[in-house]
N, C-alpha and C. Protein backbone atom coordinates (compact mmCIF):
# COMPACT_ATOMS: atom_id res chain seq x y z
N MET A 1 12.57 172.33 -37.00
CA MET A 1 11.63 171.10 -36.54
C MET A 1 10.61 171.78 -35.81
N THR A 2 9.43 171.03 -36.05
CA THR A 2 8.41 171.60 -35.17
C THR A 2 8.30 170.62 -34.04
N TYR A 3 7.47 171.42 -32.84
CA TYR A 3 7.29 170.70 -31.77
C TYR A 3 6.18 169.51 -31.78
N ALA A 4 5.33 169.77 -32.70
CA ALA A 4 4.34 168.69 -32.73
C ALA A 4 4.05 168.65 -34.31
N VAL A 5 3.49 167.51 -34.73
CA VAL A 5 3.15 167.38 -36.16
C VAL A 5 1.64 166.90 -36.01
N GLN A 6 1.07 166.80 -37.47
CA GLN A 6 -0.09 166.38 -37.73
C GLN A 6 -0.60 164.98 -36.87
N THR A 7 0.21 164.10 -37.05
CA THR A 7 0.01 162.61 -36.22
C THR A 7 -0.13 162.92 -34.71
N ASP A 8 0.67 163.99 -34.30
CA ASP A 8 0.44 164.28 -32.71
C ASP A 8 -0.92 164.79 -32.41
N MET A 9 -1.39 165.72 -33.32
CA MET A 9 -2.79 166.18 -33.35
C MET A 9 -3.81 165.33 -33.24
N VAL A 10 -3.55 164.43 -34.45
CA VAL A 10 -4.76 163.34 -34.56
C VAL A 10 -4.78 162.50 -33.23
N ASN A 11 -3.67 162.07 -32.76
CA ASN A 11 -3.62 161.34 -31.65
C ASN A 11 -4.27 161.94 -30.38
N ASN A 12 -3.96 163.40 -30.34
CA ASN A 12 -4.42 164.06 -29.25
C ASN A 12 -5.99 164.40 -29.16
N PHE A 13 -6.44 164.75 -30.38
CA PHE A 13 -7.82 165.22 -30.63
C PHE A 13 -8.67 164.53 -31.46
N GLY A 14 -8.13 163.58 -32.29
CA GLY A 14 -9.16 163.01 -33.12
C GLY A 14 -9.22 163.36 -34.43
N GLN A 15 -9.47 162.48 -35.52
CA GLN A 15 -9.42 163.16 -37.04
C GLN A 15 -10.87 164.02 -37.19
N GLU A 16 -11.81 163.51 -36.63
CA GLU A 16 -13.05 164.30 -36.80
C GLU A 16 -12.89 165.84 -36.40
N LYS A 17 -12.34 165.83 -35.20
CA LYS A 17 -12.33 167.31 -34.61
C LYS A 17 -11.33 168.12 -35.64
N LEU A 18 -10.38 167.57 -36.10
CA LEU A 18 -9.24 168.35 -36.68
C LEU A 18 -9.98 168.58 -38.18
N ILE A 19 -10.73 167.78 -38.77
CA ILE A 19 -11.53 168.00 -39.97
C ILE A 19 -12.56 169.25 -39.82
N GLU A 20 -13.04 169.05 -38.81
CA GLU A 20 -14.22 170.31 -38.43
C GLU A 20 -13.32 171.61 -38.22
N LEU A 21 -12.20 171.64 -37.64
CA LEU A 21 -11.50 173.02 -37.51
C LEU A 21 -10.54 173.22 -38.59
N THR A 22 -10.28 172.52 -39.38
CA THR A 22 -9.26 172.80 -40.57
C THR A 22 -9.99 172.65 -41.95
N ASP A 23 -10.96 172.06 -42.21
CA ASP A 23 -11.59 171.78 -43.52
C ASP A 23 -12.44 172.93 -43.90
N ARG A 24 -11.95 174.04 -44.43
CA ARG A 24 -12.58 175.16 -44.66
C ARG A 24 -13.14 175.21 -46.08
N GLY A 25 -12.56 174.16 -46.97
CA GLY A 25 -12.86 173.90 -48.24
C GLY A 25 -13.89 172.72 -48.39
N ASN A 26 -14.44 172.24 -47.23
CA ASN A 26 -15.54 171.20 -47.26
C ASN A 26 -15.19 170.03 -48.06
N THR A 27 -13.88 169.48 -47.96
CA THR A 27 -13.43 168.40 -48.82
C THR A 27 -13.65 167.19 -47.81
N GLY A 28 -13.83 167.31 -46.68
CA GLY A 28 -14.06 165.88 -45.74
C GLY A 28 -12.77 165.33 -45.20
N ALA A 29 -11.86 166.36 -45.33
CA ALA A 29 -10.24 165.81 -44.91
C ALA A 29 -9.65 166.97 -44.26
N ILE A 30 -8.42 166.56 -43.34
CA ILE A 30 -7.77 167.75 -42.78
C ILE A 30 -7.09 168.57 -43.68
N ASP A 31 -7.16 169.82 -43.60
CA ASP A 31 -6.40 170.68 -44.49
C ASP A 31 -5.15 170.97 -43.93
N ALA A 32 -4.01 170.12 -44.39
CA ALA A 32 -2.70 170.33 -43.93
C ALA A 32 -2.04 171.52 -43.83
N THR A 33 -2.48 172.41 -44.73
CA THR A 33 -1.90 173.80 -44.77
C THR A 33 -2.38 174.56 -43.58
N VAL A 34 -3.76 174.43 -43.31
CA VAL A 34 -4.34 175.10 -42.18
C VAL A 34 -3.87 174.64 -40.80
N LEU A 35 -3.60 173.34 -40.69
CA LEU A 35 -3.17 172.70 -39.50
C LEU A 35 -1.70 173.01 -39.39
N GLY A 36 -0.83 173.01 -40.45
CA GLY A 36 0.63 173.34 -40.45
C GLY A 36 0.76 174.81 -39.92
N GLN A 37 -0.26 175.77 -40.33
CA GLN A 37 -0.12 177.07 -39.89
C GLN A 37 -0.50 177.22 -38.26
N ALA A 38 -1.37 176.55 -37.89
CA ALA A 38 -1.59 176.43 -36.23
C ALA A 38 -0.33 175.91 -35.55
N LEU A 39 0.18 175.00 -36.19
CA LEU A 39 1.39 174.26 -35.46
C LEU A 39 2.60 175.21 -35.58
N ALA A 40 2.69 175.93 -36.65
CA ALA A 40 3.89 176.99 -36.79
C ALA A 40 3.69 178.04 -35.70
N ALA A 41 2.26 178.48 -35.58
CA ALA A 41 2.12 179.46 -34.71
C ALA A 41 2.34 179.05 -33.14
N ALA A 42 2.06 177.76 -33.10
CA ALA A 42 2.29 177.17 -31.60
C ALA A 42 3.98 177.26 -31.51
N ASP A 43 4.69 176.86 -32.38
CA ASP A 43 6.04 176.78 -32.35
C ASP A 43 6.75 178.28 -31.88
N ALA A 44 6.18 179.19 -32.73
CA ALA A 44 6.40 180.63 -32.68
C ALA A 44 5.94 181.17 -31.31
N GLU A 45 5.01 180.65 -30.56
CA GLU A 45 4.79 180.96 -29.23
C GLU A 45 5.74 180.45 -28.28
N ILE A 46 6.09 179.02 -28.48
CA ILE A 46 6.76 178.55 -27.48
C ILE A 46 8.45 178.85 -27.41
N ASP A 47 8.96 179.23 -28.59
CA ASP A 47 10.39 179.61 -28.72
C ASP A 47 10.68 180.46 -27.70
N PRO A 48 9.95 181.83 -27.73
CA PRO A 48 10.55 182.84 -26.68
C PRO A 48 10.59 182.41 -25.15
N TYR A 49 9.80 181.29 -24.93
CA TYR A 49 10.03 180.87 -23.58
C TYR A 49 11.28 180.17 -23.15
N LEU A 50 11.56 179.42 -24.34
CA LEU A 50 12.87 178.41 -24.17
C LEU A 50 14.09 179.08 -24.47
N VAL A 51 14.03 180.16 -25.28
CA VAL A 51 15.22 180.75 -26.07
C VAL A 51 16.40 181.04 -24.95
N GLY A 52 16.09 181.55 -23.66
CA GLY A 52 16.93 181.92 -22.65
C GLY A 52 17.67 180.58 -22.23
N LEU A 53 17.06 179.52 -22.09
CA LEU A 53 17.50 178.22 -21.57
C LEU A 53 18.19 176.95 -22.56
N TYR A 54 17.61 177.40 -23.87
CA TYR A 54 17.89 176.02 -24.65
C TYR A 54 18.09 176.69 -26.18
N THR A 55 18.92 175.91 -27.05
CA THR A 55 18.98 176.30 -28.28
C THR A 55 17.65 175.74 -29.13
N VAL A 56 16.98 176.76 -29.55
CA VAL A 56 15.62 176.70 -30.09
C VAL A 56 15.89 176.82 -31.83
N PRO A 57 15.01 175.92 -32.43
CA PRO A 57 14.14 175.06 -32.11
C PRO A 57 14.81 173.78 -31.42
N LEU A 58 14.13 173.09 -30.58
CA LEU A 58 14.71 171.84 -29.74
C LEU A 58 14.98 170.67 -30.80
N ILE A 59 16.08 170.02 -30.78
CA ILE A 59 16.06 168.84 -31.48
C ILE A 59 15.56 167.76 -30.96
N SER A 60 15.54 167.49 -29.79
CA SER A 60 15.04 166.49 -29.13
C SER A 60 13.77 167.15 -28.25
N VAL A 61 12.50 166.64 -28.59
CA VAL A 61 11.42 167.33 -27.97
C VAL A 61 10.64 166.55 -27.13
N PRO A 62 10.78 166.88 -25.70
CA PRO A 62 10.12 166.05 -24.74
C PRO A 62 8.50 165.99 -24.81
N THR A 63 7.96 164.71 -24.58
CA THR A 63 6.59 164.54 -24.72
C THR A 63 5.72 165.74 -24.21
N VAL A 64 6.17 166.07 -23.03
CA VAL A 64 5.18 167.21 -22.29
C VAL A 64 5.03 168.26 -23.15
N LEU A 65 6.17 168.62 -23.96
CA LEU A 65 6.15 169.91 -24.74
C LEU A 65 5.41 169.50 -26.12
N VAL A 66 5.69 168.30 -26.55
CA VAL A 66 4.64 168.00 -27.76
C VAL A 66 3.14 168.17 -27.46
N ASN A 67 2.61 167.72 -26.30
CA ASN A 67 1.34 167.79 -25.96
C ASN A 67 0.95 169.36 -25.72
N PHE A 68 1.65 170.13 -25.01
CA PHE A 68 1.29 171.66 -24.97
C PHE A 68 1.49 172.15 -26.41
N ALA A 69 2.31 171.92 -27.21
CA ALA A 69 2.37 172.36 -28.41
C ALA A 69 0.89 172.10 -29.19
N CYS A 70 0.46 170.81 -28.84
CA CYS A 70 -0.76 170.39 -29.51
C CYS A 70 -2.04 171.25 -28.94
N ASP A 71 -1.89 171.70 -27.82
CA ASP A 71 -3.04 172.31 -27.26
C ASP A 71 -2.96 173.80 -27.61
N ILE A 72 -1.85 174.43 -27.75
CA ILE A 72 -1.70 175.59 -28.33
C ILE A 72 -2.25 175.84 -29.72
N ALA A 73 -1.80 174.64 -30.43
CA ALA A 73 -2.16 174.74 -31.76
C ALA A 73 -3.66 174.61 -31.82
N LEU A 74 -4.41 173.71 -31.15
CA LEU A 74 -5.86 173.54 -31.14
C LEU A 74 -6.51 174.98 -30.79
N PHE A 75 -5.83 175.58 -29.98
CA PHE A 75 -6.66 177.05 -29.47
C PHE A 75 -6.39 177.79 -30.63
N ARG A 76 -5.24 177.89 -31.38
CA ARG A 76 -5.13 178.57 -32.54
C ARG A 76 -6.02 178.19 -33.71
N LEU A 77 -6.58 176.90 -33.70
CA LEU A 77 -7.53 176.66 -34.86
C LEU A 77 -8.97 177.10 -34.59
N TYR A 78 -9.35 177.54 -33.32
CA TYR A 78 -10.50 177.96 -33.19
C TYR A 78 -10.62 179.40 -33.88
N THR A 79 -11.52 179.58 -34.87
CA THR A 79 -11.64 180.98 -35.62
C THR A 79 -12.56 181.95 -34.77
N GLN A 80 -13.55 181.24 -33.93
CA GLN A 80 -14.37 181.86 -32.97
C GLN A 80 -13.92 181.64 -31.59
N ILE A 81 -14.73 181.97 -30.62
CA ILE A 81 -14.62 181.65 -29.06
C ILE A 81 -14.26 180.32 -28.96
N ALA A 82 -13.23 179.92 -28.46
CA ALA A 82 -12.94 178.31 -28.14
C ALA A 82 -13.50 178.00 -27.00
N PRO A 83 -13.88 176.78 -26.89
CA PRO A 83 -14.57 176.21 -25.56
C PRO A 83 -13.81 176.21 -24.22
N ASP A 84 -14.50 176.17 -23.18
CA ASP A 84 -13.78 176.51 -21.90
C ASP A 84 -12.54 175.55 -21.77
N GLN A 85 -12.70 174.25 -21.99
CA GLN A 85 -11.63 173.18 -22.06
C GLN A 85 -10.51 173.58 -22.91
N VAL A 86 -10.72 174.03 -23.95
CA VAL A 86 -9.43 174.48 -24.92
C VAL A 86 -8.99 175.72 -24.19
N ASN A 87 -9.58 176.75 -23.89
CA ASN A 87 -8.97 177.84 -23.16
C ASN A 87 -8.16 177.27 -21.83
N LEU A 88 -8.88 176.59 -21.21
CA LEU A 88 -7.97 175.78 -19.98
C LEU A 88 -6.60 175.25 -20.39
N ARG A 89 -6.65 174.32 -21.46
CA ARG A 89 -5.66 173.60 -22.07
C ARG A 89 -4.48 174.72 -22.51
N TYR A 90 -4.91 175.82 -23.09
CA TYR A 90 -3.97 176.79 -23.43
C TYR A 90 -3.35 177.44 -22.38
N LYS A 91 -4.19 177.94 -21.46
CA LYS A 91 -3.63 178.57 -20.20
C LYS A 91 -2.63 177.67 -19.53
N ASN A 92 -2.90 176.36 -19.45
CA ASN A 92 -1.98 175.62 -18.79
C ASN A 92 -0.71 175.47 -19.43
N ALA A 93 -0.79 175.50 -20.87
CA ALA A 93 0.42 175.53 -21.55
C ALA A 93 1.25 176.53 -21.32
N VAL A 94 0.67 177.79 -21.28
CA VAL A 94 1.43 179.00 -21.25
C VAL A 94 2.02 179.15 -19.70
N ASN A 95 1.30 178.57 -18.68
CA ASN A 95 1.69 178.53 -17.49
C ASN A 95 2.86 177.81 -17.34
N PHE A 96 2.77 176.61 -18.04
CA PHE A 96 3.95 175.57 -17.99
C PHE A 96 5.15 176.28 -18.55
N LEU A 97 5.10 176.85 -19.75
CA LEU A 97 6.06 177.48 -20.49
C LEU A 97 6.72 178.50 -19.41
N THR A 98 6.06 179.27 -19.08
CA THR A 98 6.35 180.54 -18.07
C THR A 98 7.14 180.00 -16.86
N MET A 99 6.70 178.76 -16.44
CA MET A 99 7.64 178.16 -15.31
C MET A 99 8.91 177.70 -15.82
N VAL A 100 9.20 177.04 -17.05
CA VAL A 100 10.10 176.57 -17.57
C VAL A 100 11.29 177.87 -17.80
N ALA A 101 10.53 178.90 -18.39
CA ALA A 101 11.30 180.06 -18.55
C ALA A 101 11.95 180.68 -17.35
N ALA A 102 11.24 180.61 -16.29
CA ALA A 102 11.69 181.23 -14.89
C ALA A 102 12.43 180.09 -14.30
N GLY A 103 12.86 178.94 -14.67
CA GLY A 103 13.87 178.05 -14.28
C GLY A 103 12.96 177.11 -13.13
N LYS A 104 11.74 177.31 -13.14
CA LYS A 104 11.04 176.54 -11.97
C LYS A 104 10.80 174.93 -12.25
N ILE A 105 10.81 174.67 -13.62
CA ILE A 105 10.45 173.61 -14.08
C ILE A 105 11.68 173.40 -15.41
N SER A 106 12.08 172.16 -15.33
CA SER A 106 13.20 171.69 -16.35
C SER A 106 12.34 170.76 -17.45
N LEU A 107 12.78 170.91 -18.64
CA LEU A 107 12.47 170.06 -19.75
C LEU A 107 13.14 168.73 -19.69
N GLY A 108 14.32 168.48 -18.71
CA GLY A 108 15.08 167.49 -18.85
C GLY A 108 16.29 167.42 -20.01
N LEU A 109 16.48 168.58 -20.41
CA LEU A 109 17.56 168.83 -21.44
C LEU A 109 18.44 169.71 -21.00
N ASP A 110 19.64 169.57 -21.41
CA ASP A 110 20.86 170.43 -21.13
C ASP A 110 20.80 171.55 -22.13
N ALA A 111 21.60 172.50 -22.24
CA ALA A 111 21.60 173.59 -23.06
C ALA A 111 21.81 173.06 -24.65
N THR A 112 22.34 172.07 -24.80
CA THR A 112 22.73 171.51 -26.22
C THR A 112 21.27 170.65 -26.79
N ASN A 113 20.41 170.57 -25.98
CA ASN A 113 19.30 169.85 -26.29
C ASN A 113 19.29 168.43 -26.07
N ALA A 114 20.27 168.02 -25.38
CA ALA A 114 20.50 166.51 -25.07
C ALA A 114 19.73 166.18 -23.91
N GLU A 115 19.09 164.94 -23.56
CA GLU A 115 18.39 164.54 -22.68
C GLU A 115 19.49 164.40 -21.49
N VAL A 116 19.16 164.90 -20.25
CA VAL A 116 19.94 164.85 -19.22
C VAL A 116 19.86 163.36 -18.60
N SER A 117 21.16 162.82 -18.62
CA SER A 117 20.93 161.44 -18.02
C SER A 117 21.14 161.29 -16.50
N ASP A 118 20.11 160.62 -16.13
CA ASP A 118 20.17 160.49 -14.61
C ASP A 118 20.58 158.88 -14.36
N ALA A 119 21.41 158.59 -13.73
CA ALA A 119 21.79 157.41 -13.30
C ALA A 119 20.82 156.59 -12.57
N GLY A 120 19.80 157.34 -11.91
CA GLY A 120 18.74 156.74 -11.14
C GLY A 120 18.99 156.27 -9.72
N ASN A 121 20.15 156.84 -9.43
CA ASN A 121 20.79 156.44 -8.05
C ASN A 121 20.38 157.54 -7.06
N ILE A 122 19.83 157.18 -5.70
CA ILE A 122 19.37 158.00 -4.69
C ILE A 122 20.60 158.05 -3.75
N VAL A 123 21.16 159.39 -3.56
CA VAL A 123 22.09 159.35 -2.59
C VAL A 123 21.68 159.95 -1.31
N VAL A 124 21.95 159.44 -0.28
CA VAL A 124 21.68 159.83 1.09
C VAL A 124 22.64 160.16 1.89
N GLN A 125 22.93 161.21 2.60
CA GLN A 125 23.78 161.60 3.56
C GLN A 125 23.46 161.84 4.87
N ALA A 126 23.80 160.80 5.97
CA ALA A 126 23.30 161.08 7.09
C ALA A 126 24.39 161.32 8.25
N ASN A 127 23.98 161.63 9.34
CA ASN A 127 24.80 161.87 10.50
C ASN A 127 25.36 160.30 11.03
N ALA A 128 26.49 160.31 11.86
CA ALA A 128 26.70 159.02 12.32
C ALA A 128 25.70 158.41 13.17
N ARG A 129 25.56 156.95 13.29
CA ARG A 129 24.66 156.44 14.20
C ARG A 129 24.90 156.59 15.62
N GLU A 130 23.73 157.06 16.31
CA GLU A 130 23.72 157.37 17.55
C GLU A 130 23.60 156.05 18.49
N PHE A 131 22.92 155.18 17.98
CA PHE A 131 22.59 153.85 18.62
C PHE A 131 23.30 152.89 18.01
N SER A 132 24.04 151.92 18.63
CA SER A 132 24.73 150.68 18.08
C SER A 132 24.66 149.58 19.10
N ALA A 133 25.31 148.52 18.76
CA ALA A 133 25.48 147.33 19.58
C ALA A 133 26.30 147.68 20.77
N GLY A 134 27.27 148.70 20.53
CA GLY A 134 28.23 149.17 21.39
C GLY A 134 27.46 149.94 22.66
N THR A 135 26.69 151.01 22.03
CA THR A 135 26.00 152.04 22.85
C THR A 135 24.85 151.47 23.72
N LEU A 136 24.25 150.31 23.03
CA LEU A 136 22.94 149.79 23.82
C LEU A 136 23.50 148.48 24.56
N SER A 137 24.81 148.21 24.83
CA SER A 137 25.17 147.05 25.29
C SER A 137 24.92 147.02 27.00
N ASP A 138 24.67 148.21 27.67
CA ASP A 138 24.33 148.06 28.90
C ASP A 138 22.92 148.12 29.22
N TYR A 139 22.30 147.81 28.16
CA TYR A 139 20.84 147.55 28.35
C TYR A 139 20.40 146.16 28.25
């Protein structure tokens, strides 16, 4: 399973941009093979960051990872020097993956790739009350 698919790329960057970057045969359409190679390269780049923490490829892919996979694939589609914004998106993706690998950020998945359920409850533990009706009764 790939982390991102063609639809994700179109949603993130638009049809025209992807045609511009993939249509090497001047057909006026996205070349699915070229795009697929970029997405596969993104997967291959992401997996080593995750392999120590998760079973890869992930079965359940968090949205944040889909977006970073798209950023990496976009960077890979540029055959010449990528624009600054594309370089920045790529660097942000690599920084994020580095923090995941270091355990500083979680993908919200357990080791079996299942989303970690959170009851949504906040638990607070505090010391005993210092002021109460009894301790303030003399005032």
